[in-house]
Amino acid sequence: MKGFQNILVPIDFAENEQAILAAALRVLASGGKLTMLHVVEYMPAVTQGTFGIYPHRKDIDKIKELSMAKLHEILRQHEGEKLTPLVREGKPAHVIVETIGEIEPDLVVMGTRGRSKLDQLLIGSVTERVIRQAPCAVLTVRV
């Protein structure tokens, strides 16, 4: 059976992450590789210093550590599948597109929450930004 050999799945630990992962696993080729990416978005409002506002490094590192632990929980639920956990920090859309450039997946599988047009205008959509910038196919799963 054919499928995609290299899939990237950005995971934000939302309630419906299993539906997104299940969709990715359905189109993953036998022997293919799936990378689960979680992006820790730093919130630059923790400490005010001489040169502006910035987060504490130890807090970011702790969040990254906890995120990796959550990805390992998902790995245990999918024994036998070739899943790779990856945690990075930054702005989600930017980091996802950057990661696409590095690992060169055949497909990116992401969730979409169906926000209203006003929400998209005011907040923006990570999925929409990735779709516009990704050099590969992007499969969206409505969650």
Protein backbone atom coordinates (compact mmCIF):
# COMPACT_ATOMS: atom_id res chain seq x y z
CA MET A 1 0.00 0.00 0.00
CA LYS A 2 1.29 3.44 -0.89
CA GLY A 3 1.34 6.48 1.34
CA PHE A 4 3.50 9.35 2.48
CA GLN A 5 7.02 8.46 3.63
CA ASN A 6 7.72 11.50 5.80
CA ILE A 7 4.93 13.33 7.65
CA LEU A 8 5.10 16.27 10.05
CA VAL A 9 2.30 16.67 12.60
CA PRO A 10 2.35 19.87 14.67
CA ILE A 11 0.69 19.09 18.01
CA ASP A 12 -0.61 21.73 20.41
CA PHE A 13 -1.98 19.29 23.02
CA ALA A 14 -5.57 20.27 22.27
CA GLU A 15 -8.38 17.84 23.07
CA ASN A 16 -8.62 16.53 19.52
CA GLU A 17 -4.96 15.81 18.86
CA GLN A 18 -5.76 12.10 18.57
CA ALA A 19 -8.00 12.75 15.53
CA ILE A 20 -5.21 14.66 13.82
CA LEU A 21 -2.64 11.98 14.62
CA ALA A 22 -5.03 9.23 13.48
CA ALA A 23 -5.50 10.97 10.12
CA ALA A 24 -1.73 11.24 9.70
CA LEU A 25 -1.22 7.57 10.58
CA ARG A 26 -3.85 6.54 8.01
CA VAL A 27 -1.87 8.14 5.17
CA LEU A 28 1.60 7.17 6.45
CA ALA A 29 3.32 4.62 4.24
CA SER A 30 4.37 1.32 5.73
CA GLY A 31 7.85 1.99 7.10
CA GLY A 32 7.29 5.75 6.86
CA LYS A 33 8.36 8.29 9.48
CA LEU A 34 6.08 10.68 11.37
CA THR A 35 7.49 13.62 13.33
CA MET A 36 5.33 15.11 16.08
CA LEU A 37 6.27 18.74 16.64
CA HIS A 38 5.21 20.83 19.61
CA VAL A 39 6.11 24.52 19.60
CA VAL A 40 6.50 26.28 22.92
CA GLU A 41 5.50 29.85 22.31
CA TYR A 42 7.26 32.08 24.76
CA MET A 43 5.22 34.79 26.35
CA PRO A 44 7.43 37.87 26.67
CA ALA A 45 5.63 39.32 29.65
CA VAL A 46 7.29 37.66 32.59
CA THR A 47 10.15 39.94 33.63
CA GLN A 48 10.87 43.54 32.80
CA GLY A 49 14.52 44.39 32.47
CA THR A 50 16.71 47.15 31.13
CA PHE A 51 16.17 46.16 27.51
CA GLY A 52 12.51 45.17 27.60
CA ILE A 53 10.32 42.33 28.69
CA TYR A 54 11.47 38.70 28.41
CA PRO A 55 10.63 35.27 29.83
CA HIS A 56 12.76 33.42 32.35
CA ARG A 57 14.95 30.87 30.55
CA LYS A 58 14.39 28.25 33.26
CA ASP A 59 10.60 28.51 32.82
CA ILE A 60 10.86 28.00 29.06
CA ASP A 61 13.17 25.02 29.59
CA LYS A 62 10.71 23.50 32.09
CA ILE A 63 7.80 23.92 29.66
CA LYS A 64 9.87 22.28 26.90
CA GLU A 65 10.69 19.39 29.24
CA LEU A 66 7.01 18.91 30.14
CA SER A 67 6.04 19.10 26.46
CA MET A 68 8.54 16.37 25.57
CA ALA A 69 7.11 14.20 28.36
CA LYS A 70 3.61 14.63 26.86
CA LEU A 71 4.91 13.64 23.42
CA HIS A 72 6.47 10.54 24.96
CA GLU A 73 3.06 9.65 26.44
CA ILE A 74 1.65 9.76 22.91
CA LEU A 75 4.54 7.57 21.72
CA ARG A 76 3.64 4.92 24.29
CA GLN A 77 0.06 4.88 22.97
CA HIS A 78 1.33 4.16 19.44
CA GLU A 79 3.92 1.44 19.94
CA GLY A 80 5.05 -0.10 16.69
CA GLU A 81 4.71 3.16 14.74
CA LYS A 82 7.80 5.11 13.75
CA LEU A 83 7.06 8.37 15.60
CA THR A 84 9.65 10.97 16.46
CA PRO A 85 9.00 13.65 19.11
CA LEU A 86 10.35 17.16 18.60
CA VAL A 87 9.95 20.25 20.80
CA ARG A 88 11.02 23.69 19.67
CA GLU A 89 10.35 27.24 20.81
CA GLY A 90 9.22 30.35 19.00
CA LYS A 91 6.20 31.57 17.07
CA PRO A 92 4.29 28.43 16.00
CA ALA A 93 3.72 29.19 12.30
CA HIS A 94 7.31 30.34 11.83
CA VAL A 95 8.79 27.34 13.65
CA ILE A 96 6.57 24.88 11.76
CA VAL A 97 7.59 26.31 8.38
CA GLU A 98 11.23 26.35 9.49
CA THR A 99 10.97 22.70 10.55
CA ILE A 100 9.39 21.81 7.20
CA GLY A 101 12.49 23.25 5.53
CA GLU A 102 14.74 21.15 7.74
CA ILE A 103 13.06 17.73 7.68
CA GLU A 104 11.47 18.08 4.22
CA PRO A 105 8.25 16.15 4.84
CA ASP A 106 6.03 14.94 2.01
CA LEU A 107 2.98 16.06 3.98
CA VAL A 108 2.03 18.19 6.98
CA VAL A 109 -1.12 17.21 8.88
CA MET A 110 -2.69 19.94 11.01
CA GLY A 111 -5.94 20.63 12.78
CA THR A 112 -8.25 23.49 12.01
CA ARG A 113 -10.86 24.73 14.44
CA GLY A 114 -13.08 26.56 11.99
CA ARG A 115 -12.74 30.02 13.50
CA SER A 116 -14.94 32.81 12.24
CA LYS A 117 -13.58 35.26 9.66
CA LEU A 118 -13.37 37.94 12.36
CA ASP A 119 -11.29 35.67 14.62
CA GLN A 120 -8.93 34.88 11.75
CA LEU A 121 -8.59 38.56 10.93
CA LEU A 122 -7.88 39.57 14.53
CA ILE A 123 -5.91 36.57 15.75
CA GLY A 124 -4.64 34.91 12.59
CA SER A 125 -4.45 31.21 12.05
CA VAL A 126 -1.32 29.12 12.42
CA THR A 127 -2.72 26.55 10.01
CA GLU A 128 -3.54 29.21 7.42
CA ARG A 129 -0.04 30.68 7.65
CA VAL A 130 1.55 27.25 7.26
CA ILE A 131 -0.64 26.43 4.25
CA ARG A 132 0.45 29.66 2.56
CA GLN A 133 4.17 29.13 3.22
CA ALA A 134 4.69 25.37 3.11
CA PRO A 135 6.50 24.00 0.06
CA CYS A 136 4.73 20.65 0.51
CA ALA A 137 1.15 19.40 0.76
CA VAL A 138 -0.80 20.26 3.91
CA LEU A 139 -3.74 18.11 5.02
CA THR A 140 -6.12 19.84 7.41
CA VAL A 141 -8.32 17.92 9.81
CA ARG A 142 -11.37 19.73 11.14
CA VAL A 143 -11.46 19.30 14.91
